[in-house]
Amino acid sequence: MAEKKAKSADDVQKFWLRSAILVVLLILVLSAVNMVYEEKVLKQKQIYRQEQSWQDFRIELPMNENGQHVLEFAFFGDSHARDAVYPPSIPGSFNFGTSNEDYVETYYKFVKLLESDEMEIRNIFLEIDLHIFTPNANKDETLFQHLTYYSDFTPLSDISRLNKKNIIGLWLVKHFPVLGHGGELIHILTPPDSTQIVLGWTNQTNDFSKMDRELLTRATILSHFGREDNEEIREENSSSVDLINNRSIDYFLRIIRLAESRGINIIFIRYPVSKYYDDAVTRLGINKQEHYEYLFSLIEKDAGLKSYKVFDYYDIFFEYQRLLDNTDHLNYRGALEFSRILNEDLSRLSALDRTQNKLN
């Protein structure tokens, strides 16, 4: 009997030993695969390459008397900003625009620049394109898709609260990003993204004039507003509230308050789109003037902002389709021309107010 008990205890001990060895082996394999994924896939993504570009640029910037690096112009927004602003044409600027970035994510990025990166930023450009606050383009579940990047400067508790995901799962994906993107391992065998990045700007090479412009525009409109572009259906003036996700606008206003508290000049900007895009917006019955009146009432009332500038370039390339990458983004030719125009406007103080009442 005692011999059986001893054998049983020995079997249990062996079981736990084998289990521990298996767990250790699994962790080692996972760590190895994760390391390869981070080096070969994750760090090759545009958002990580853009961050590296920023860190390389930041240390070369001039410093103020407090030992802070000084950035004259910071551009924030989504891929509209990223593809449009070519910083070498605008001295002392960097393009922080990121594809599909919600102003929630931009807020934490802005805080990181001011606190972790210890920057003095003198002027910020905030994108106010028509789609930037829409509920369809700003869903909870799409927040912090680049978790490893954003979680470097955003508390996981905040991320979990905002995107409604389990904090334990977020912790695992933060430390082992391959767990959330295993399907991307195939990219280890393919050439890395070779899109040129220059101070945050990305070099887009398509020519909208040679594309199926109506098909592309319909797809974009559906993505931005969640509505089909149907010429036979014209909705009556869509309410401005329908174009605004309350969470996104709340963090947009937080950015404004923070910038104002730091004495940073705030400039709102609309980027160029195609005439096809504008016609589709009109067919949806969206009242642009009403929308912007509502938006600026929030800016002035809720954020208490009284002094600001507006640059409106919405329609400047309506007749120049070859300058667009698609229906609402600029290609490299458009970016160079747009940035030249923007820099000229910045060099003329009187130009800062030239489009104040043009938002319609």
Protein backbone atom coordinates (compact mmCIF):
# COMPACT_ATOMS: atom_id res chain seq x y z
CA MET A 1 0.00 0.00 0.00
CA ALA A 2 2.78 2.39 0.96
CA GLU A 3 4.56 1.45 -2.27
CA LYS A 4 1.47 2.36 -4.31
CA LYS A 5 1.19 5.69 -2.55
CA ALA A 6 4.82 6.46 -3.20
CA LYS A 7 4.41 5.56 -6.88
CA SER A 8 1.29 7.71 -7.11
CA ALA A 9 3.11 10.67 -5.53
CA ASP A 10 6.00 10.09 -7.92
CA ASP A 11 3.61 10.10 -10.91
CA VAL A 12 2.05 13.36 -9.77
CA GLN A 13 5.48 14.88 -9.36
CA LYS A 14 6.46 13.77 -12.86
CA PHE A 15 3.21 15.15 -14.26
CA TRP A 16 3.82 18.59 -12.81
CA LEU A 17 7.44 18.51 -13.90
CA ARG A 18 6.45 17.66 -17.48
CA SER A 19 3.76 20.32 -17.41
CA ALA A 20 6.24 22.93 -16.18
CA ILE A 21 8.72 21.95 -18.90
CA LEU A 22 5.97 22.15 -21.52
CA VAL A 23 4.91 25.60 -20.32
CA VAL A 24 8.51 26.82 -20.36
CA LEU A 25 8.98 25.45 -23.89
CA LEU A 26 5.76 27.11 -25.05
CA ILE A 27 6.86 30.43 -23.57
CA LEU A 28 10.27 30.13 -25.21
CA VAL A 29 8.71 29.31 -28.60
CA LEU A 30 6.18 32.13 -28.24
CA SER A 31 8.93 34.57 -27.25
CA ALA A 32 11.05 33.54 -30.23
CA VAL A 33 8.15 33.84 -32.69
CA ASN A 34 7.14 37.14 -31.13
CA MET A 35 10.69 38.49 -31.44
CA VAL A 36 10.79 37.61 -35.13
CA TYR A 37 7.35 39.16 -35.65
CA GLU A 38 8.36 42.41 -33.95
CA GLU A 39 11.55 42.78 -35.99
CA LYS A 40 10.31 41.60 -39.37
CA VAL A 41 6.69 42.79 -39.37
CA LEU A 42 5.70 45.13 -36.53
CA LYS A 43 8.59 47.59 -36.77
CA GLN A 44 8.18 47.79 -40.55
CA LYS A 45 4.66 49.21 -40.28
CA GLN A 46 4.27 52.86 -41.17
CA ILE A 47 3.29 54.05 -37.70
CA TYR A 48 6.50 52.62 -36.16
CA ARG A 49 8.67 53.92 -38.98
CA GLN A 50 7.01 57.32 -38.56
CA GLU A 51 7.82 57.28 -34.82
CA GLN A 52 11.45 56.44 -35.55
CA SER A 53 11.54 59.29 -38.06
CA TRP A 54 10.21 61.60 -35.35
CA GLN A 55 12.75 60.54 -32.74
CA ASP A 56 15.60 61.00 -35.21
CA PHE A 57 14.28 64.44 -36.16
CA ARG A 58 13.47 65.56 -32.60
CA ILE A 59 17.02 65.43 -31.32
CA GLU A 60 18.17 67.70 -34.15
CA LEU A 61 15.67 70.46 -33.32
CA PRO A 62 16.83 73.68 -31.65
CA MET A 63 16.43 73.98 -27.89
CA ASN A 64 14.90 76.69 -25.74
CA GLU A 65 16.34 78.14 -22.53
CA ASN A 66 14.70 75.33 -20.52
CA GLY A 67 16.48 72.63 -22.48
CA GLN A 68 13.39 71.62 -24.46
CA HIS A 69 13.52 70.93 -28.16
CA VAL A 70 11.30 73.35 -30.10
CA LEU A 71 8.93 72.34 -32.89
CA GLU A 72 7.34 75.20 -34.82
CA PHE A 73 4.50 73.28 -36.51
CA ALA A 74 2.90 69.97 -35.56
CA PHE A 75 0.28 68.51 -37.91
CA PHE A 76 -2.28 66.10 -36.46
CA GLY A 77 -5.03 64.11 -38.11
CA ASP A 78 -5.59 60.94 -40.06
CA SER A 79 -4.23 59.88 -43.46
CA HIS A 80 -5.54 63.10 -45.04
CA ALA A 81 -2.97 65.05 -43.05
CA ARG A 82 -0.32 62.33 -43.36
CA ASP A 83 -0.45 62.28 -47.16
CA ALA A 84 -0.88 66.04 -47.72
CA VAL A 85 1.74 67.82 -45.62
CA TYR A 86 5.34 67.51 -46.85
CA PRO A 87 7.39 68.89 -43.92
CA PRO A 88 10.59 69.72 -45.85
CA SER A 89 8.54 72.46 -47.56
CA ILE A 90 7.51 73.90 -44.18
CA PRO A 91 10.61 74.59 -42.04
CA GLY A 92 10.40 73.39 -38.44
CA SER A 93 7.44 71.07 -38.99
CA PHE A 94 6.61 67.40 -38.52
CA ASN A 95 3.63 65.42 -39.80
CA PHE A 96 2.03 63.29 -37.05
CA GLY A 97 -0.97 62.27 -39.17
CA THR A 98 -1.76 58.56 -38.92
CA SER A 99 -4.14 56.43 -40.95
CA ASN A 100 -7.57 56.11 -39.31
CA GLU A 101 -6.39 57.86 -36.15
CA ASP A 102 -9.20 58.90 -33.83
CA TYR A 103 -8.79 62.12 -31.84
CA VAL A 104 -8.82 59.91 -28.73
CA GLU A 105 -5.50 58.46 -29.90
CA THR A 106 -4.25 61.87 -31.02
CA TYR A 107 -4.87 63.26 -27.53
CA TYR A 108 -2.59 60.68 -25.89
CA LYS A 109 0.00 61.22 -28.62
CA PHE A 110 -0.11 64.98 -27.99
CA VAL A 111 0.35 64.46 -24.23
CA LYS A 112 3.29 62.16 -24.95
CA LEU A 113 4.97 64.83 -27.10
CA LEU A 114 4.60 67.45 -24.40
CA GLU A 115 5.49 65.31 -21.40
CA SER A 116 7.53 62.22 -22.35
CA ASP A 117 9.28 63.87 -25.29
CA GLU A 118 9.45 67.18 -23.37
CA MET A 119 8.70 69.28 -26.45
CA GLU A 120 7.87 72.93 -26.81
CA ILE A 121 5.37 73.05 -29.63
CA ARG A 122 4.45 76.51 -30.87
CA ASN A 123 1.69 75.79 -33.38
CA ILE A 124 -0.59 72.82 -33.93
CA PHE A 125 -2.74 72.07 -36.97
CA LEU A 126 -5.88 70.06 -36.20
CA GLU A 127 -7.71 68.39 -39.09
CA ILE A 128 -11.43 69.15 -39.32
CA ASP A 129 -12.30 67.36 -42.53
CA LEU A 130 -15.95 66.45 -42.82
CA HIS A 131 -15.50 62.76 -41.96
CA ILE A 132 -13.04 63.17 -39.08
CA PHE A 133 -15.64 62.94 -36.28
CA THR A 134 -18.25 60.67 -37.88
CA PRO A 135 -19.52 57.73 -35.81
CA ASN A 136 -18.95 55.40 -38.76
CA ALA A 137 -15.24 56.28 -38.95
CA ASN A 138 -14.72 56.34 -35.18
CA LYS A 139 -15.93 53.12 -33.59
CA ASP A 140 -14.92 51.90 -30.13
CA GLU A 141 -13.66 48.57 -31.42
CA THR A 142 -11.25 50.21 -33.87
CA LEU A 143 -9.47 52.28 -31.23
CA PHE A 144 -5.80 51.52 -30.51
CA GLN A 145 -5.41 48.97 -33.31
CA HIS A 146 -1.67 49.59 -33.09
CA LEU A 147 -1.73 48.60 -29.44
CA THR A 148 2.01 48.09 -28.97
CA TYR A 149 2.64 51.62 -30.21
CA TYR A 150 -0.08 53.47 -28.30
CA SER A 151 0.32 51.49 -25.07
CA ASP A 152 3.86 52.84 -24.74
CA PHE A 153 2.32 56.13 -23.66
CA THR A 154 -1.34 55.32 -22.94
CA PRO A 155 -2.38 53.47 -19.75
CA LEU A 156 -3.90 50.06 -20.49
CA SER A 157 -6.73 50.93 -18.12
CA ASP A 158 -7.64 53.88 -20.33
CA ILE A 159 -7.40 51.78 -23.49
CA SER A 160 -9.62 49.09 -21.97
CA ARG A 161 -12.19 51.67 -20.88
CA LEU A 162 -12.27 53.28 -24.32
CA ASN A 163 -12.23 50.30 -26.67
CA LYS A 164 -14.23 48.04 -24.34
CA LYS A 165 -11.66 45.22 -24.45
CA ASN A 166 -10.49 43.03 -21.57
CA ILE A 167 -7.43 44.52 -19.89
CA ILE A 168 -5.77 41.10 -19.41
CA GLY A 169 -6.08 40.40 -23.12
CA LEU A 170 -4.69 43.85 -23.87
CA TRP A 171 -1.71 43.20 -21.56
CA LEU A 172 -0.95 39.94 -23.36
CA VAL A 173 -1.13 41.55 -26.80
CA LYS A 174 0.98 44.48 -25.63
CA HIS A 175 3.82 42.19 -24.52
CA PHE A 176 3.27 39.50 -27.17
CA PRO A 177 1.81 41.40 -30.16
CA VAL A 178 1.99 38.31 -32.35
CA LEU A 179 -0.95 36.92 -30.32
CA GLY A 180 -3.23 39.55 -31.78
CA HIS A 181 -1.78 39.49 -35.30
CA GLY A 182 -0.72 35.91 -35.98
CA GLY A 183 -2.09 36.15 -39.50
CA GLU A 184 0.54 38.76 -40.29
CA LEU A 185 3.37 36.25 -39.86
CA ILE A 186 3.07 35.57 -43.59
CA HIS A 187 4.62 39.02 -44.14
CA ILE A 188 7.92 37.63 -42.85
CA LEU A 189 8.21 36.00 -46.27
CA THR A 190 7.21 39.10 -48.25
CA PRO A 191 9.13 42.35 -48.89
CA PRO A 192 8.54 44.98 -46.16
CA ASP A 193 6.44 48.09 -46.79
CA SER A 194 8.64 50.31 -48.91
CA THR A 195 6.44 53.42 -48.83
CA GLN A 196 8.75 56.39 -48.42
CA ILE A 197 8.32 58.29 -45.16
CA VAL A 198 9.75 61.80 -44.84
CA LEU A 199 9.25 63.50 -41.45
CA GLY A 200 5.95 61.67 -41.05
CA TRP A 201 4.70 62.30 -44.59
CA THR A 202 4.06 59.24 -46.78
CA ASN A 203 4.77 59.21 -50.50
CA GLN A 204 1.61 58.15 -52.37
CA THR A 205 1.97 57.54 -56.11
CA ASN A 206 -1.49 56.81 -57.55
CA ASP A 207 -3.14 59.11 -60.11
CA PHE A 208 -6.86 59.58 -59.44
CA SER A 209 -7.44 60.84 -62.98
CA LYS A 210 -6.62 57.34 -64.30
CA MET A 211 -8.82 55.43 -61.88
CA ASP A 212 -12.50 54.46 -61.65
CA ARG A 213 -13.33 57.69 -59.86
CA GLU A 214 -17.03 57.08 -59.24
CA LEU A 215 -16.52 53.57 -57.84
CA LEU A 216 -13.73 54.70 -55.51
CA THR A 217 -15.75 57.66 -54.33
CA ARG A 218 -18.79 55.52 -53.50
CA ALA A 219 -16.64 53.19 -51.42
CA THR A 220 -15.06 56.11 -49.56
CA ILE A 221 -18.39 57.79 -48.85
CA LEU A 222 -19.78 54.55 -47.44
CA SER A 223 -16.70 54.17 -45.23
CA HIS A 224 -16.88 57.76 -43.96
CA PHE A 225 -20.61 58.20 -43.44
CA GLY A 226 -22.07 54.69 -43.48
CA ARG A 227 -24.42 55.68 -46.28
CA GLU A 228 -24.69 54.70 -49.92
CA ASP A 229 -24.11 57.44 -52.47
CA ASN A 230 -27.31 57.16 -54.48
CA GLU A 231 -28.15 59.95 -56.90
CA GLU A 232 -31.85 59.07 -56.70
CA ILE A 233 -31.94 59.46 -52.92
CA ARG A 234 -31.20 62.88 -51.49
CA GLU A 235 -31.57 63.15 -47.73
CA GLU A 236 -32.73 66.43 -46.30
CA ASN A 237 -29.96 68.37 -44.52
CA SER A 238 -28.35 65.78 -42.28
CA SER A 239 -28.09 66.92 -38.69
CA SER A 240 -24.59 67.99 -37.68
CA VAL A 241 -24.85 65.79 -34.62
CA ASP A 242 -25.08 62.76 -36.93
CA LEU A 243 -21.62 63.64 -38.21
CA ILE A 244 -20.04 63.78 -34.76
CA ASN A 245 -19.04 60.97 -32.44
CA ASN A 246 -19.32 62.47 -28.95
CA ARG A 247 -16.28 60.60 -27.64
CA SER A 248 -14.08 61.79 -30.50
CA ILE A 249 -15.19 65.41 -30.18
CA ASP A 250 -14.64 65.26 -26.40
CA TYR A 251 -10.96 64.33 -26.86
CA PHE A 252 -10.61 66.85 -29.67
CA LEU A 253 -11.75 69.53 -27.23
CA ARG A 254 -9.31 68.18 -24.61
CA ILE A 255 -6.48 68.71 -27.08
CA ILE A 256 -7.62 72.29 -27.60
CA ARG A 257 -7.78 73.00 -23.86
CA LEU A 258 -4.37 71.46 -23.28
CA ALA A 259 -2.82 73.39 -26.16
CA GLU A 260 -4.32 76.64 -24.94
CA SER A 261 -3.07 76.01 -21.39
CA ARG A 262 0.45 75.66 -22.84
CA GLY A 263 0.19 78.81 -24.93
CA ILE A 264 0.22 76.85 -28.19
CA ASN A 265 -1.38 78.48 -31.23
CA ILE A 266 -4.22 76.43 -32.72
CA ILE A 267 -4.96 76.29 -36.43
CA PHE A 268 -7.82 74.23 -37.86
CA ILE A 269 -7.41 72.87 -41.37
CA ARG A 270 -9.42 71.21 -44.12
CA TYR A 271 -7.44 69.24 -46.68
CA PRO A 272 -8.15 69.02 -50.43
CA VAL A 273 -10.58 66.44 -51.81
CA SER A 274 -11.89 65.72 -55.29
CA LYS A 275 -14.97 67.24 -56.89
CA TYR A 276 -16.34 63.68 -57.02
CA TYR A 277 -16.18 63.50 -53.23
CA ASP A 278 -17.85 66.87 -52.80
CA ASP A 279 -20.63 65.97 -55.25
CA ALA A 280 -21.29 62.76 -53.33
CA VAL A 281 -21.46 64.66 -50.03
CA THR A 282 -23.98 67.02 -51.62
CA ARG A 283 -26.08 64.11 -52.88
CA LEU A 284 -26.24 62.76 -49.32
CA GLY A 285 -27.82 66.03 -48.30
CA ILE A 286 -25.11 66.89 -45.80
CA ASN A 287 -25.24 70.57 -44.94
CA LYS A 288 -21.57 71.51 -44.58
CA GLN A 289 -22.22 75.04 -43.37
CA GLU A 290 -24.55 73.81 -40.63
CA HIS A 291 -22.04 71.16 -39.61
CA TYR A 292 -19.17 73.61 -39.21
CA GLU A 293 -21.30 76.16 -37.41
CA TYR A 294 -22.14 73.44 -34.90
CA LEU A 295 -18.51 72.31 -34.64
CA PHE A 296 -17.18 75.79 -33.98
CA SER A 297 -19.94 76.46 -31.47
CA LEU A 298 -18.55 73.49 -29.52
CA ILE A 299 -15.00 74.77 -29.90
CA GLU A 300 -15.93 78.22 -28.64
CA LYS A 301 -18.44 77.21 -25.97
CA ASP A 302 -17.19 73.89 -24.58
CA ALA A 303 -13.45 74.46 -25.04
CA GLY A 304 -13.69 78.21 -24.41
CA LEU A 305 -11.47 78.93 -27.40
CA LYS A 306 -11.84 82.45 -28.77
CA SER A 307 -8.64 82.92 -30.73
CA TYR A 308 -7.84 80.51 -33.54
CA LYS A 309 -7.11 80.34 -37.25
CA VAL A 310 -8.76 78.33 -40.01
CA PHE A 311 -7.11 77.18 -43.22
CA ASP A 312 -9.63 75.83 -45.71
CA TYR A 313 -8.19 74.07 -48.77
CA TYR A 314 -11.18 71.79 -49.38
CA ASP A 315 -11.78 72.74 -53.00
CA ILE A 316 -8.42 73.98 -54.29
CA PHE A 317 -7.76 70.85 -56.38
CA PHE A 318 -11.27 70.21 -57.72
CA GLU A 319 -9.96 70.67 -61.26
CA TYR A 320 -6.66 68.83 -60.76
CA GLN A 321 -7.45 65.13 -60.41
CA ARG A 322 -3.90 64.09 -61.27
CA LEU A 323 -2.77 65.64 -57.95
CA LEU A 324 -4.88 63.17 -55.96
CA ASP A 325 -4.01 59.61 -54.93
CA ASN A 326 -7.71 58.78 -54.67
CA THR A 327 -10.94 60.70 -54.13
CA ASP A 328 -9.89 62.33 -50.82
CA HIS A 329 -6.09 61.98 -50.49
CA LEU A 330 -3.22 63.73 -52.24
CA ASN A 331 -0.47 61.93 -54.10
CA TYR A 332 3.14 63.10 -53.98
CA ARG A 333 2.60 65.72 -56.71
CA GLY A 334 -0.41 67.10 -54.86
CA ALA A 335 1.44 67.04 -51.54
CA LEU A 336 4.36 69.05 -52.93
CA GLU A 337 2.07 71.66 -54.49
CA PHE A 338 -0.22 71.80 -51.45
CA SER A 339 2.72 72.19 -49.04
CA ARG A 340 4.15 74.98 -51.18
CA ILE A 341 0.83 76.84 -50.98
CA LEU A 342 0.51 76.19 -47.25
CA ASN A 343 4.02 77.44 -46.56
CA GLU A 344 3.33 80.63 -48.52
CA ASP A 345 0.20 81.19 -46.44
CA LEU A 346 2.14 80.62 -43.24
CA SER A 347 4.76 83.13 -44.33
CA ARG A 348 2.09 85.80 -44.73
CA LEU A 349 0.48 86.59 -41.39
CA SER A 350 -2.49 88.19 -43.09
CA ALA A 351 -3.18 84.89 -44.83
CA LEU A 352 -3.93 83.18 -41.55
CA ASP A 353 -7.42 84.59 -41.57
CA ARG A 354 -8.05 84.42 -45.29
CA THR A 355 -10.43 81.46 -45.11
CA GLN A 356 -12.08 82.08 -41.74
CA ASN A 357 -15.61 82.22 -43.23
CA LYS A 358 -15.18 79.80 -46.11
CA LEU A 359 -16.30 76.60 -44.38
CA ASN A 360 -19.39 75.55 -46.29
